């Protein structure tokens, strides 16, 4: 629209753990106003990828008790698209995420060695309903930033290595 451009830059972080690791990628959007460079700048940052693998087997008993599922795994993905609407200076942005854990529902805040023996039914990926969501971001000209239509949940278990 009239000299306005959105530029996206992805940045990634990775870290290793003993027996595992984590990575995360964020999309940062910048508004470039070719008619007024002073009005250009950072307008939005959202996570678009996150994964963690945390070691959960420490001896032969753990291997049996966990049915050889020796890592708790976390997966997060996000997608951004222009939704065809414009509420102001810049187009509205649709953001959709999916998050899941394996084996079954696991949490960074629970000790996997204290959980009961896994059954065959536990050896599945489970969708995290809190961190699987959709939002619309609308540009707030006064703040010079995009704002979500609803508060974003804390999904740092997936998106911070």
Protein backbone atom coordinates (compact mmCIF):
# COMPACT_ATOMS: atom_id res chain seq x y z
CA UNK A 1 0.00 0.00 0.00
CA UNK A 2 1.50 3.35 -1.08
CA UNK A 3 5.15 2.58 -0.36
CA UNK A 4 4.60 0.45 2.74
CA UNK A 5 6.48 -2.84 2.90
CA UNK A 6 6.59 -5.57 5.53
CA UNK A 7 9.96 -7.28 5.77
CA UNK A 8 10.27 -10.56 7.67
CA UNK A 9 13.47 -11.86 9.25
CA UNK A 10 13.76 -15.21 11.00
CA UNK A 11 16.21 -15.66 13.85
CA UNK A 12 17.03 -18.99 15.48
CA UNK A 13 18.59 -20.14 18.73
CA UNK A 14 19.82 -23.62 19.59
CA UNK A 15 21.21 -25.19 22.71
CA UNK A 16 22.40 -28.65 23.66
CA UNK A 17 21.54 -30.55 26.81
CA UNK A 18 23.03 -33.74 28.18
CA UNK A 19 21.12 -36.28 26.11
CA UNK A 20 18.95 -33.73 24.30
CA UNK A 21 18.62 -30.17 23.10
CA UNK A 22 16.31 -27.38 22.07
CA UNK A 23 15.83 -24.89 19.28
CA UNK A 24 13.52 -21.99 18.55
CA UNK A 25 12.88 -19.70 15.61
CA UNK A 26 11.08 -16.35 15.75
CA UNK A 27 9.76 -14.27 12.87
CA UNK A 28 10.38 -10.56 13.27
CA UNK A 29 8.48 -8.17 11.03
CA UNK A 30 9.68 -4.70 10.14
CA UNK A 31 7.61 -1.96 8.52
CA UNK A 32 9.47 -0.12 5.79
CA UNK A 33 7.82 3.12 4.73
CA UNK A 34 9.55 4.11 1.50
CA UNK A 35 7.89 7.53 1.59
CA UNK A 36 8.94 8.29 5.18
CA UNK A 37 11.97 6.28 6.38
CA UNK A 38 11.64 7.78 9.89
CA UNK A 39 8.29 5.95 10.23
CA UNK A 40 9.97 2.58 9.56
CA UNK A 41 10.78 0.06 12.28
CA UNK A 42 10.12 -3.17 14.14
CA UNK A 43 6.39 -4.04 14.39
CA UNK A 44 5.95 -7.72 15.44
CA UNK A 45 7.77 -10.79 16.71
CA UNK A 46 6.16 -14.24 16.93
CA UNK A 47 7.57 -17.74 17.41
CA UNK A 48 7.31 -19.93 14.30
CA UNK A 49 9.23 -23.02 15.46
CA UNK A 50 10.24 -24.62 18.70
CA UNK A 51 11.41 -28.06 19.72
CA UNK A 52 12.89 -29.68 22.79
CA UNK A 53 14.17 -33.13 23.54
CA UNK A 54 14.79 -33.83 27.23
CA UNK A 55 16.51 -37.05 28.30
CA UNK A 56 14.21 -39.23 30.43
CA UNK A 57 16.10 -42.56 30.73
CA UNK A 58 19.03 -42.76 33.11
CA UNK A 59 19.36 -46.50 33.63
CA UNK A 60 18.04 -49.85 32.39
CA UNK A 61 14.95 -49.64 34.65
CA UNK A 62 13.98 -46.30 33.06
CA UNK A 63 14.38 -47.83 29.60
CA UNK A 64 11.87 -50.58 30.48
CA UNK A 65 9.50 -48.31 32.45
CA UNK A 66 9.35 -45.82 29.56
CA UNK A 67 8.97 -48.49 26.87
CA UNK A 68 12.17 -47.18 25.21
CA UNK A 69 10.66 -43.68 24.83
CA UNK A 70 13.73 -42.18 26.47
CA UNK A 71 13.08 -38.52 25.68
CA UNK A 72 10.28 -36.15 26.51
CA UNK A 73 9.69 -34.21 23.30
CA UNK A 74 8.04 -30.86 22.66
CA UNK A 75 7.10 -29.52 19.22
CA UNK A 76 5.73 -26.09 18.26
CA UNK A 77 5.04 -24.54 14.87
CA UNK A 78 3.51 -21.21 13.93
CA UNK A 79 2.46 -19.72 10.61
CA UNK A 80 1.86 -16.12 9.60
CA UNK A 81 -0.20 -14.90 6.66
CA UNK A 82 -1.82 -11.71 5.45
CA UNK A 83 -5.55 -12.28 5.90
CA UNK A 84 -6.78 -9.87 3.23
CA UNK A 85 -8.18 -7.31 5.68
CA UNK A 86 -6.78 -3.92 6.55
CA UNK A 87 -7.68 -2.16 9.77
CA UNK A 88 -5.21 0.67 9.37
CA UNK A 89 -1.88 1.56 7.84
CA UNK A 90 -0.76 -2.09 7.45
CA UNK A 91 -2.65 -5.30 6.60
CA UNK A 92 -4.03 -7.55 9.34
CA UNK A 93 -2.01 -10.69 10.01
CA UNK A 94 -3.38 -14.15 10.79
CA UNK A 95 -1.26 -16.28 13.13
CA UNK A 96 -1.89 -19.98 13.77
CA UNK A 97 0.07 -22.30 16.05
CA UNK A 98 0.22 -26.02 16.83
CA UNK A 99 1.97 -27.53 19.85
CA UNK A 100 2.28 -31.11 21.03
CA UNK A 101 4.24 -33.37 23.37
CA UNK A 102 5.50 -36.97 23.35
CA UNK A 103 5.10 -39.48 24.91
CA UNK A 104 1.60 -38.38 25.75
CA UNK A 105 1.17 -35.26 27.85
CA UNK A 106 4.50 -34.25 29.40
CA UNK A 107 5.62 -31.09 31.15
CA UNK A 108 8.91 -29.39 31.85
CA UNK A 109 7.62 -28.83 35.37
CA UNK A 110 7.24 -32.55 36.23
CA UNK A 111 9.98 -35.10 36.90
CA UNK A 112 9.50 -37.88 34.35
CA UNK A 113 11.28 -40.37 36.63
CA UNK A 114 8.47 -39.98 39.19
CA UNK A 115 5.67 -40.75 36.71
CA UNK A 116 4.08 -44.19 36.41
CA UNK A 117 5.18 -46.78 33.86
CA UNK A 118 4.18 -45.87 30.32
CA UNK A 119 1.60 -47.97 28.51
CA UNK A 120 1.34 -48.53 24.77
CA UNK A 121 -1.44 -45.88 24.71
CA UNK A 122 1.05 -43.29 26.03
CA UNK A 123 3.37 -43.64 23.03
CA UNK A 124 1.58 -40.96 21.00
CA UNK A 125 1.91 -37.24 20.31
CA UNK A 126 -0.70 -35.21 22.24
CA UNK A 127 -1.89 -31.79 21.10
CA UNK A 128 -1.46 -29.02 23.66
CA UNK A 129 -4.76 -27.14 23.44
CA UNK A 130 -3.44 -24.06 25.25
CA UNK A 131 -0.51 -23.54 22.88
CA UNK A 132 -2.42 -24.51 19.71
CA UNK A 133 -4.38 -21.38 18.83
CA UNK A 134 -5.26 -18.73 16.24
CA UNK A 135 -5.00 -14.97 16.54
CA UNK A 136 -5.38 -11.92 14.32
CA UNK A 137 -2.84 -9.12 14.68
CA UNK A 138 -3.98 -5.60 13.81
CA UNK A 139 -1.57 -2.72 13.38
CA UNK A 140 -1.87 -0.13 16.16
CA UNK A 141 -0.62 3.10 14.56
CA UNK A 142 -0.34 4.94 17.90
CA UNK A 143 1.94 2.24 19.34
CA UNK A 144 3.58 1.56 15.95
CA UNK A 145 3.21 -2.19 16.64
CA UNK A 146 0.90 -5.06 15.81
CA UNK A 147 -1.45 -6.08 18.63
CA UNK A 148 -3.24 -9.46 18.94
CA UNK A 149 -7.03 -9.64 19.07
CA UNK A 150 -6.70 -11.76 22.27
CA UNK A 151 -3.90 -12.23 24.80
CA UNK A 152 -1.30 -14.82 23.78
CA UNK A 153 -0.80 -17.77 26.15
CA UNK A 154 2.59 -18.46 27.72
CA UNK A 155 4.11 -21.14 25.50
CA UNK A 156 7.72 -20.60 26.53
CA UNK A 157 8.03 -24.32 27.33
CA UNK A 158 8.07 -24.74 23.55
CA UNK A 159 9.56 -21.50 22.29
CA UNK A 160 12.50 -20.75 24.59
CA UNK A 161 15.50 -23.10 24.29
